Amino acid sequence: MELLTPGTGLLFWQVIIFLSTLLVLSKFAWKPIMNSLKAREKFIEDSLESAKKAEEELVSIQSKNEDLLTEARKEREMIIAEAKKVSNSMKDEAKQSAKEMADKIILDAKNVIDTEKDKAMNDVKNKLAELSIDIAEKIIKNELSKDSSQKKYVDDLIKEINDSK
């Protein structure tokens, strides 16, 4: 049993070595270890705080992005609506312009037709007058070829002139 129970001298030296090791460690090792642990703890706290700030900024940026997207969508809708209005206006304007041009072309065509019709009517009248004169001339020549017919014709003309006065 002697092996299981240590001697007092051994215990004394073990306590002194333990205390001296504890003193040396506390003076030279634990302070730097504790300082580095505190620095690490502070770094972790700062990192967590930075992460929270970054997360808050990210949420803020996402909110701003959502607002910007909403605003951009509204602006896009306004631009599309304005483009549709301009397009419809241009279509209406083009239709109106085409209608006016068509009306002008139709009016010009009617005027040309009327002018050509008047020309044709005048030509027909002139031709008819010429034909009438030619026919009358031939009839009169034929009738007046005889002396008695000529005398009767002249008398009728004189009588007609006297009656009209």
N, C-alpha and C. Protein backbone atom coordinates (compact mmCIF):
# COMPACT_ATOMS: atom_id res chain seq x y z
N MET A 1 0.78 -1.17 0.00
CA MET A 1 0.00 0.00 0.00
C MET A 1 0.83 1.25 0.00
N GLU A 2 2.00 1.01 0.26
CA GLU A 2 2.91 2.12 0.30
C GLU A 2 3.04 2.78 -1.06
N LEU A 3 2.81 2.05 -2.06
CA LEU A 3 2.91 2.59 -3.41
C LEU A 3 1.71 3.49 -3.73
N LEU A 4 0.65 3.22 -3.09
CA LEU A 4 -0.55 4.00 -3.37
C LEU A 4 -0.57 5.29 -2.58
N THR A 5 0.05 5.37 -1.49
CA THR A 5 0.05 6.60 -0.70
C THR A 5 1.38 7.31 -0.91
N PRO A 6 1.32 8.54 -1.37
CA PRO A 6 2.57 9.25 -1.60
C PRO A 6 3.17 9.76 -0.29
N GLY A 7 4.41 10.00 -0.34
CA GLY A 7 5.09 10.49 0.86
C GLY A 7 4.90 11.99 0.99
N THR A 8 5.10 12.51 2.18
CA THR A 8 4.88 13.93 2.43
C THR A 8 5.90 14.78 1.70
N GLY A 9 7.09 14.35 1.58
CA GLY A 9 8.12 15.11 0.86
C GLY A 9 7.75 15.22 -0.62
N LEU A 10 7.33 14.13 -1.15
CA LEU A 10 6.93 14.12 -2.56
C LEU A 10 5.74 15.04 -2.77
N LEU A 11 4.82 14.99 -1.86
CA LEU A 11 3.64 15.84 -1.96
C LEU A 11 4.02 17.31 -1.84
N PHE A 12 4.95 17.58 -0.94
CA PHE A 12 5.40 18.94 -0.76
C PHE A 12 6.00 19.46 -2.06
N TRP A 13 6.90 18.69 -2.64
CA TRP A 13 7.56 19.13 -3.87
C TRP A 13 6.58 19.21 -5.05
N GLN A 14 5.67 18.37 -5.06
CA GLN A 14 4.66 18.41 -6.13
C GLN A 14 3.82 19.67 -6.01
N VAL A 15 3.44 20.05 -4.79
CA VAL A 15 2.66 21.26 -4.58
C VAL A 15 3.49 22.47 -4.98
N ILE A 16 4.76 22.52 -4.60
CA ILE A 16 5.63 23.65 -4.93
C ILE A 16 5.81 23.74 -6.44
N ILE A 17 6.06 22.63 -7.09
CA ILE A 17 6.21 22.63 -8.56
C ILE A 17 4.90 23.08 -9.22
N PHE A 18 3.78 22.59 -8.70
CA PHE A 18 2.48 22.96 -9.26
C PHE A 18 2.25 24.47 -9.10
N LEU A 19 2.52 25.00 -7.91
CA LEU A 19 2.31 26.43 -7.66
C LEU A 19 3.27 27.27 -8.50
N SER A 20 4.54 26.86 -8.59
CA SER A 20 5.49 27.63 -9.40
C SER A 20 5.10 27.57 -10.89
N THR A 21 4.65 26.41 -11.34
CA THR A 21 4.20 26.29 -12.73
C THR A 21 2.96 27.16 -12.95
N LEU A 22 2.09 27.15 -11.93
CA LEU A 22 0.88 27.97 -12.01
C LEU A 22 1.25 29.45 -12.04
N LEU A 23 2.23 29.86 -11.24
CA LEU A 23 2.68 31.24 -11.20
C LEU A 23 3.32 31.63 -12.54
N VAL A 24 4.19 30.80 -13.06
CA VAL A 24 4.86 31.08 -14.33
C VAL A 24 3.81 31.15 -15.46
N LEU A 25 2.92 30.21 -15.46
CA LEU A 25 1.89 30.19 -16.50
C LEU A 25 0.97 31.42 -16.40
N SER A 26 0.61 31.77 -15.14
CA SER A 26 -0.28 32.91 -14.99
C SER A 26 0.42 34.21 -15.38
N LYS A 27 1.71 34.31 -15.14
CA LYS A 27 2.43 35.53 -15.45
C LYS A 27 2.73 35.63 -16.94
N PHE A 28 3.15 34.53 -17.55
CA PHE A 28 3.62 34.61 -18.94
C PHE A 28 2.65 34.03 -19.97
N ALA A 29 1.83 33.08 -19.64
CA ALA A 29 1.01 32.41 -20.65
C ALA A 29 -0.45 32.82 -20.57
N TRP A 30 -1.02 32.85 -19.39
CA TRP A 30 -2.46 33.11 -19.30
C TRP A 30 -2.85 34.53 -19.69
N LYS A 31 -2.05 35.51 -19.35
CA LYS A 31 -2.38 36.89 -19.75
C LYS A 31 -2.43 37.01 -21.28
N PRO A 32 -1.39 36.57 -21.99
CA PRO A 32 -1.49 36.65 -23.45
C PRO A 32 -2.62 35.78 -24.01
N ILE A 33 -2.82 34.61 -23.41
CA ILE A 33 -3.91 33.74 -23.89
C ILE A 33 -5.25 34.42 -23.62
N MET A 34 -5.41 34.99 -22.43
CA MET A 34 -6.66 35.67 -22.08
C MET A 34 -6.86 36.91 -22.95
N ASN A 35 -5.75 37.64 -23.17
CA ASN A 35 -5.85 38.82 -24.04
C ASN A 35 -6.25 38.43 -25.46
N SER A 36 -5.65 37.38 -25.96
CA SER A 36 -6.00 36.94 -27.33
C SER A 36 -7.43 36.41 -27.36
N LEU A 37 -7.89 35.75 -26.27
CA LEU A 37 -9.27 35.28 -26.20
C LEU A 37 -10.23 36.48 -26.15
N LYS A 38 -9.86 37.50 -25.36
CA LYS A 38 -10.70 38.69 -25.30
C LYS A 38 -10.72 39.40 -26.67
N ALA A 39 -9.55 39.48 -27.30
CA ALA A 39 -9.48 40.11 -28.62
C ALA A 39 -10.31 39.31 -29.62
N ARG A 40 -10.22 38.01 -29.55
CA ARG A 40 -11.01 37.14 -30.45
C ARG A 40 -12.49 37.32 -30.16
N GLU A 41 -12.86 37.37 -28.88
CA GLU A 41 -14.26 37.57 -28.50
C GLU A 41 -14.76 38.92 -29.02
N LYS A 42 -13.92 39.97 -28.87
CA LYS A 42 -14.29 41.29 -29.37
C LYS A 42 -14.42 41.27 -30.90
N PHE A 43 -13.48 40.60 -31.57
CA PHE A 43 -13.53 40.48 -33.03
C PHE A 43 -14.81 39.78 -33.47
N ILE A 44 -15.19 38.73 -32.76
CA ILE A 44 -16.41 37.99 -33.09
C ILE A 44 -17.64 38.87 -32.85
N GLU A 45 -17.64 39.60 -31.71
CA GLU A 45 -18.77 40.50 -31.44
C GLU A 45 -18.87 41.59 -32.52
N ASP A 46 -17.70 42.17 -32.87
CA ASP A 46 -17.69 43.19 -33.93
C ASP A 46 -18.15 42.60 -35.27
N SER A 47 -17.73 41.39 -35.54
CA SER A 47 -18.14 40.73 -36.78
C SER A 47 -19.64 40.48 -36.79
N LEU A 48 -20.16 40.03 -35.65
CA LEU A 48 -21.61 39.81 -35.56
C LEU A 48 -22.36 41.13 -35.72
N GLU A 49 -21.85 42.17 -35.09
CA GLU A 49 -22.49 43.48 -35.21
C GLU A 49 -22.41 43.97 -36.66
N SER A 50 -21.26 43.79 -37.29
CA SER A 50 -21.11 44.17 -38.70
C SER A 50 -22.06 43.36 -39.58
N ALA A 51 -22.19 42.09 -39.26
CA ALA A 51 -23.10 41.23 -40.04
C ALA A 51 -24.54 41.71 -39.86
N LYS A 52 -24.91 42.10 -38.63
CA LYS A 52 -26.26 42.62 -38.41
C LYS A 52 -26.47 43.91 -39.19
N LYS A 53 -25.45 44.81 -39.14
CA LYS A 53 -25.55 46.05 -39.90
C LYS A 53 -25.64 45.76 -41.39
N ALA A 54 -24.83 44.83 -41.86
CA ALA A 54 -24.86 44.47 -43.29
C ALA A 54 -26.22 43.88 -43.66
N GLU A 55 -26.78 43.07 -42.77
CA GLU A 55 -28.09 42.49 -43.02
C GLU A 55 -29.16 43.58 -43.07
N GLU A 56 -29.06 44.54 -42.10
CA GLU A 56 -30.01 45.65 -42.10
C GLU A 56 -29.87 46.48 -43.37
N GLU A 57 -28.61 46.73 -43.78
CA GLU A 57 -28.38 47.47 -45.01
C GLU A 57 -28.91 46.70 -46.22
N LEU A 58 -28.72 45.38 -46.19
CA LEU A 58 -29.22 44.55 -47.28
C LEU A 58 -30.75 44.63 -47.35
N VAL A 59 -31.39 44.58 -46.18
CA VAL A 59 -32.85 44.70 -46.14
C VAL A 59 -33.26 46.08 -46.66
N SER A 60 -32.53 47.11 -46.23
CA SER A 60 -32.82 48.47 -46.68
C SER A 60 -32.62 48.59 -48.19
N ILE A 61 -31.53 48.02 -48.69
CA ILE A 61 -31.25 48.06 -50.13
C ILE A 61 -32.31 47.28 -50.89
N GLN A 62 -32.72 46.13 -50.35
CA GLN A 62 -33.77 45.35 -51.02
C GLN A 62 -35.07 46.14 -51.06
N SER A 63 -35.36 46.82 -49.95
CA SER A 63 -36.57 47.64 -49.92
C SER A 63 -36.47 48.76 -50.96
N LYS A 64 -35.31 49.41 -51.02
CA LYS A 64 -35.11 50.47 -52.01
C LYS A 64 -35.20 49.90 -53.42
N ASN A 65 -34.64 48.71 -53.62
CA ASN A 65 -34.71 48.08 -54.94
C ASN A 65 -36.16 47.79 -55.31
N GLU A 66 -36.92 47.29 -54.36
CA GLU A 66 -38.35 47.03 -54.61
C GLU A 66 -39.07 48.33 -54.99
N ASP A 67 -38.75 49.40 -54.24
CA ASP A 67 -39.35 50.69 -54.54
C ASP A 67 -38.95 51.16 -55.95
N LEU A 68 -37.65 51.01 -56.26
CA LEU A 68 -37.18 51.40 -57.58
C LEU A 68 -37.83 50.56 -58.68
N LEU A 69 -37.95 49.26 -58.43
CA LEU A 69 -38.60 48.38 -59.41
C LEU A 69 -40.06 48.79 -59.61
N THR A 70 -40.74 49.08 -58.52
CA THR A 70 -42.13 49.51 -58.61
C THR A 70 -42.23 50.81 -59.40
N GLU A 71 -41.35 51.73 -59.08
CA GLU A 71 -41.33 53.01 -59.79
C GLU A 71 -40.99 52.82 -61.27
N ALA A 72 -40.03 51.94 -61.54
CA ALA A 72 -39.65 51.67 -62.93
C ALA A 72 -40.81 51.03 -63.68
N ARG A 73 -41.53 50.13 -63.02
CA ARG A 73 -42.70 49.51 -63.68
C ARG A 73 -43.76 50.55 -63.99
N LYS A 74 -44.02 51.43 -63.00
CA LYS A 74 -45.01 52.49 -63.23
C LYS A 74 -44.57 53.38 -64.40
N GLU A 75 -43.29 53.74 -64.40
CA GLU A 75 -42.77 54.59 -65.47
C GLU A 75 -42.87 53.88 -66.81
N ARG A 76 -42.57 52.58 -66.82
CA ARG A 76 -42.67 51.79 -68.05
C ARG A 76 -44.12 51.79 -68.54
N GLU A 77 -45.05 51.59 -67.62
CA GLU A 77 -46.47 51.59 -68.00
C GLU A 77 -46.87 52.95 -68.56
N MET A 78 -46.37 54.03 -67.93
CA MET A 78 -46.69 55.36 -68.42
C MET A 78 -46.11 55.57 -69.82
N ILE A 79 -44.88 55.11 -70.02
CA ILE A 79 -44.24 55.27 -71.33
C ILE A 79 -45.00 54.47 -72.38
N ILE A 80 -45.41 53.25 -72.02
CA ILE A 80 -46.17 52.42 -72.96
C ILE A 80 -47.50 53.08 -73.28
N ALA A 81 -48.17 53.59 -72.25
CA ALA A 81 -49.46 54.26 -72.47
C ALA A 81 -49.26 55.49 -73.37
N GLU A 82 -48.23 56.26 -73.12
CA GLU A 82 -47.94 57.44 -73.93
C GLU A 82 -47.63 57.03 -75.37
N ALA A 83 -46.85 55.96 -75.52
CA ALA A 83 -46.52 55.48 -76.87
C ALA A 83 -47.78 55.03 -77.61
N LYS A 84 -48.70 54.37 -76.87
CA LYS A 84 -49.96 53.95 -77.50
C LYS A 84 -50.77 55.16 -77.93
N LYS A 85 -50.81 56.19 -77.06
CA LYS A 85 -51.54 57.40 -77.41
C LYS A 85 -50.95 58.04 -78.66
N VAL A 86 -49.61 58.15 -78.69
CA VAL A 86 -48.95 58.76 -79.83
C VAL A 86 -49.20 57.93 -81.08
N SER A 87 -49.13 56.61 -80.93
CA SER A 87 -49.37 55.71 -82.06
C SER A 87 -50.80 55.87 -82.59
N ASN A 88 -51.77 55.88 -81.68
CA ASN A 88 -53.16 56.06 -82.10
C ASN A 88 -53.36 57.43 -82.75
N SER A 89 -52.72 58.44 -82.17
CA SER A 89 -52.81 59.78 -82.73
C SER A 89 -52.23 59.80 -84.15
N MET A 90 -51.09 59.16 -84.32
CA MET A 90 -50.46 59.12 -85.64
C MET A 90 -51.33 58.34 -86.63
N LYS A 91 -51.94 57.25 -86.16
CA LYS A 91 -52.82 56.47 -87.03
C LYS A 91 -54.01 57.31 -87.45
N ASP A 92 -54.63 57.99 -86.46
CA ASP A 92 -55.79 58.83 -86.77
C ASP A 92 -55.41 59.95 -87.73
N GLU A 93 -54.25 60.54 -87.48
CA GLU A 93 -53.76 61.61 -88.33
C GLU A 93 -53.52 61.10 -89.75
N ALA A 94 -52.92 59.91 -89.85
CA ALA A 94 -52.65 59.33 -91.17
C ALA A 94 -53.96 59.00 -91.88
N LYS A 95 -54.95 58.47 -91.12
CA LYS A 95 -56.25 58.17 -91.72
C LYS A 95 -56.90 59.44 -92.23
N GLN A 96 -56.86 60.48 -91.40
CA GLN A 96 -57.46 61.76 -91.78
C GLN A 96 -56.76 62.33 -93.02
N SER A 97 -55.44 62.27 -93.01
CA SER A 97 -54.67 62.78 -94.15
C SER A 97 -54.99 61.99 -95.41
N ALA A 98 -55.08 60.66 -95.27
CA ALA A 98 -55.40 59.82 -96.43
C ALA A 98 -56.81 60.12 -96.93
N LYS A 99 -57.75 60.32 -96.01
CA LYS A 99 -59.13 60.64 -96.40
C LYS A 99 -59.16 61.98 -97.13
N GLU A 100 -58.43 62.97 -96.61
CA GLU A 100 -58.39 64.28 -97.26
C GLU A 100 -57.79 64.17 -98.65
N MET A 101 -56.70 63.39 -98.76
CA MET A 101 -56.06 63.21 -100.07
C MET A 101 -57.01 62.50 -101.03
N ALA A 102 -57.69 61.46 -100.53
CA ALA A 102 -58.64 60.73 -101.37
C ALA A 102 -59.76 61.66 -101.82
N ASP A 103 -60.28 62.46 -100.89
CA ASP A 103 -61.34 63.41 -101.25
C ASP A 103 -60.85 64.41 -102.30
N LYS A 104 -59.61 64.87 -102.14
CA LYS A 104 -59.04 65.83 -103.10
C LYS A 104 -58.87 65.17 -104.46
N ILE A 105 -58.38 63.93 -104.46
CA ILE A 105 -58.19 63.21 -105.72
C ILE A 105 -59.53 63.00 -106.40
N ILE A 106 -60.54 62.62 -105.61
CA ILE A 106 -61.89 62.40 -106.17
C ILE A 106 -62.43 63.70 -106.74
N LEU A 107 -62.26 64.80 -106.00
CA LEU A 107 -62.73 66.11 -106.47
C LEU A 107 -62.01 66.52 -107.75
N ASP A 108 -60.69 66.32 -107.77
CA ASP A 108 -59.92 66.64 -108.98
C ASP A 108 -60.39 65.78 -110.15
N ALA A 109 -60.63 64.49 -109.87
CA ALA A 109 -61.09 63.59 -110.93
C ALA A 109 -62.46 64.03 -111.45
N LYS A 110 -63.35 64.42 -110.53
CA LYS A 110 -64.67 64.90 -110.95
C LYS A 110 -64.54 66.15 -111.81
N ASN A 111 -63.65 67.06 -111.40
CA ASN A 111 -63.43 68.28 -112.18
C ASN A 111 -62.90 67.95 -113.58
N VAL A 112 -61.95 67.02 -113.63
CA VAL A 112 -61.39 66.62 -114.92
C VAL A 112 -62.48 65.98 -115.78
N ILE A 113 -63.28 65.12 -115.13
CA ILE A 113 -64.37 64.45 -115.85
C ILE A 113 -65.35 65.48 -116.39
N ASP A 114 -65.72 66.44 -115.51
CA ASP A 114 -66.65 67.49 -115.96
C ASP A 114 -66.07 68.29 -117.11
N THR A 115 -64.80 68.63 -117.02
CA THR A 115 -64.14 69.40 -118.07
C THR A 115 -64.13 68.60 -119.38
N GLU A 116 -63.75 67.34 -119.28
CA GLU A 116 -63.71 66.49 -120.47
C GLU A 116 -65.12 66.29 -121.03
N LYS A 117 -66.10 66.16 -120.13
CA LYS A 117 -67.49 66.00 -120.56
C LYS A 117 -67.95 67.26 -121.31
N ASP A 118 -67.63 68.44 -120.75
CA ASP A 118 -68.00 69.69 -121.41
C ASP A 118 -67.33 69.79 -122.78
N LYS A 119 -66.05 69.41 -122.85
CA LYS A 119 -65.33 69.44 -124.12
C LYS A 119 -66.01 68.51 -125.13
N ALA A 120 -66.32 67.28 -124.64
CA ALA A 120 -66.95 66.31 -125.53
C ALA A 120 -68.31 66.82 -126.00
N MET A 121 -69.09 67.42 -125.08
CA MET A 121 -70.40 67.96 -125.46
C MET A 121 -70.24 69.07 -126.48
N ASN A 122 -69.24 69.95 -126.26
CA ASN A 122 -69.00 71.03 -127.24
C ASN A 122 -68.60 70.45 -128.59
N ASP A 123 -67.74 69.43 -128.55
CA ASP A 123 -67.33 68.79 -129.81
C ASP A 123 -68.54 68.18 -130.51
N VAL A 124 -69.40 67.50 -129.71
CA VAL A 124 -70.60 66.89 -130.29
C VAL A 124 -71.50 67.96 -130.87
N LYS A 125 -71.69 69.06 -130.12
CA LYS A 125 -72.54 70.15 -130.62
C LYS A 125 -71.97 70.74 -131.91
N ASN A 126 -70.65 70.97 -131.89
CA ASN A 126 -70.02 71.53 -133.09
C ASN A 126 -70.18 70.58 -134.28
N LYS A 127 -69.95 69.30 -134.03
CA LYS A 127 -70.10 68.32 -135.11
C LYS A 127 -71.55 68.28 -135.59
N LEU A 128 -72.48 68.31 -134.61
CA LEU A 128 -73.90 68.29 -134.96
C LEU A 128 -74.28 69.52 -135.77
N ALA A 129 -73.73 70.67 -135.33
CA ALA A 129 -74.02 71.92 -136.07
C ALA A 129 -73.46 71.83 -137.48
N GLU A 130 -72.22 71.32 -137.60
CA GLU A 130 -71.62 71.19 -138.92
C GLU A 130 -72.45 70.25 -139.80
N LEU A 131 -72.85 69.11 -139.18
CA LEU A 131 -73.65 68.15 -139.94
C LEU A 131 -75.00 68.77 -140.34
N SER A 132 -75.59 69.48 -139.37
CA SER A 132 -76.89 70.13 -139.67
C SER A 132 -76.74 71.12 -140.81
N ILE A 133 -75.67 71.90 -140.77
CA ILE A 133 -75.43 72.89 -141.82
C ILE A 133 -75.21 72.18 -143.16
N ASP A 134 -74.38 71.11 -143.10
CA ASP A 134 -74.12 70.36 -144.34
C ASP A 134 -75.42 69.78 -144.90
N ILE A 135 -76.23 69.19 -144.00
CA ILE A 135 -77.50 68.59 -144.45
C ILE A 135 -78.42 69.68 -144.99
N ALA A 136 -78.51 70.79 -144.26
CA ALA A 136 -79.39 71.89 -144.70
C ALA A 136 -78.92 72.43 -146.04
N GLU A 137 -77.61 72.56 -146.16
CA GLU A 137 -77.04 73.07 -147.41
C GLU A 137 -77.39 72.16 -148.58
N LYS A 138 -77.26 70.84 -148.33
CA LYS A 138 -77.56 69.89 -149.40
C LYS A 138 -79.05 69.92 -149.74
N ILE A 139 -79.88 70.01 -148.67
CA ILE A 139 -81.34 70.04 -148.91
C ILE A 139 -81.69 71.31 -149.67
N ILE A 140 -81.15 72.45 -149.26
CA ILE A 140 -81.48 73.72 -149.91
C ILE A 140 -80.97 73.70 -151.35
N LYS A 141 -79.77 73.18 -151.56
CA LYS A 141 -79.24 73.11 -152.93
C LYS A 141 -80.16 72.27 -153.79
N ASN A 142 -80.61 71.18 -153.19
CA ASN A 142 -81.46 70.26 -153.94
C ASN A 142 -82.79 70.93 -154.24
N GLU A 143 -83.34 71.61 -153.28
CA GLU A 143 -84.64 72.25 -153.47
C GLU A 143 -84.54 73.49 -154.32
N LEU A 144 -83.44 74.19 -154.18
CA LEU A 144 -83.32 75.45 -154.91
C LEU A 144 -82.67 75.26 -156.28
N SER A 145 -82.47 74.09 -156.66
CA SER A 145 -81.88 73.86 -157.97
C SER A 145 -82.86 74.25 -159.09
N LYS A 146 -84.11 74.26 -158.77
CA LYS A 146 -85.12 74.66 -159.77
C LYS A 146 -85.39 76.15 -159.59
N ASP A 147 -85.67 76.85 -160.68
CA ASP A 147 -85.93 78.29 -160.66
C ASP A 147 -87.19 78.63 -159.90
N SER A 148 -88.22 77.90 -160.07
CA SER A 148 -89.49 78.18 -159.41
C SER A 148 -89.34 78.00 -157.91
N SER A 149 -88.60 77.05 -157.50
CA SER A 149 -88.37 76.81 -156.08
C SER A 149 -87.60 77.98 -155.49
N GLN A 150 -86.64 78.49 -156.20
CA GLN A 150 -85.84 79.58 -155.70
C GLN A 150 -86.72 80.81 -155.52
N LYS A 151 -87.55 81.08 -156.47
CA LYS A 151 -88.41 82.25 -156.41
C LYS A 151 -89.37 82.13 -155.24
N LYS A 152 -89.92 80.97 -155.05
CA LYS A 152 -90.86 80.75 -153.95
C LYS A 152 -90.13 80.92 -152.61
N TYR A 153 -88.94 80.42 -152.51
CA TYR A 153 -88.14 80.51 -151.27
C TYR A 153 -87.84 81.97 -150.95
N VAL A 154 -87.45 82.76 -151.90
CA VAL A 154 -87.13 84.17 -151.70
C VAL A 154 -88.40 84.92 -151.28
N ASP A 155 -89.52 84.61 -151.89
CA ASP A 155 -90.76 85.27 -151.51
C ASP A 155 -91.15 84.93 -150.07
N ASP A 156 -90.99 83.70 -149.72
CA ASP A 156 -91.30 83.30 -148.34
C ASP A 156 -90.39 84.03 -147.34
N LEU A 157 -89.15 84.18 -147.67
CA LEU A 157 -88.22 84.88 -146.79
C LEU A 157 -88.62 86.34 -146.64
N ILE A 158 -88.99 86.98 -147.73
CA ILE A 158 -89.38 88.39 -147.69
C ILE A 158 -90.63 88.52 -146.86
N LYS A 159 -91.55 87.65 -147.05
CA LYS A 159 -92.79 87.68 -146.31
C LYS A 159 -92.51 87.49 -144.81
N GLU A 160 -91.66 86.62 -144.50
CA GLU A 160 -91.30 86.35 -143.10
C GLU A 160 -90.65 87.56 -142.47
N ILE A 161 -89.79 88.24 -143.19
CA ILE A 161 -89.12 89.44 -142.69
C ILE A 161 -90.14 90.53 -142.46
N ASN A 162 -91.07 90.71 -143.38
CA ASN A 162 -92.09 91.74 -143.25
C ASN A 162 -93.02 91.45 -142.09
N ASP A 163 -93.33 90.20 -141.86
CA ASP A 163 -94.20 89.84 -140.75
C ASP A 163 -93.51 90.06 -139.40
N SER A 164 -92.28 89.91 -139.34
CA SER A 164 -91.58 90.05 -138.06
C SER A 164 -91.38 91.51 -137.68
N LYS A 165 -91.52 92.44 -138.65
CA LYS A 165 -91.34 93.85 -138.33
C LYS A 165 -92.58 94.34 -137.79
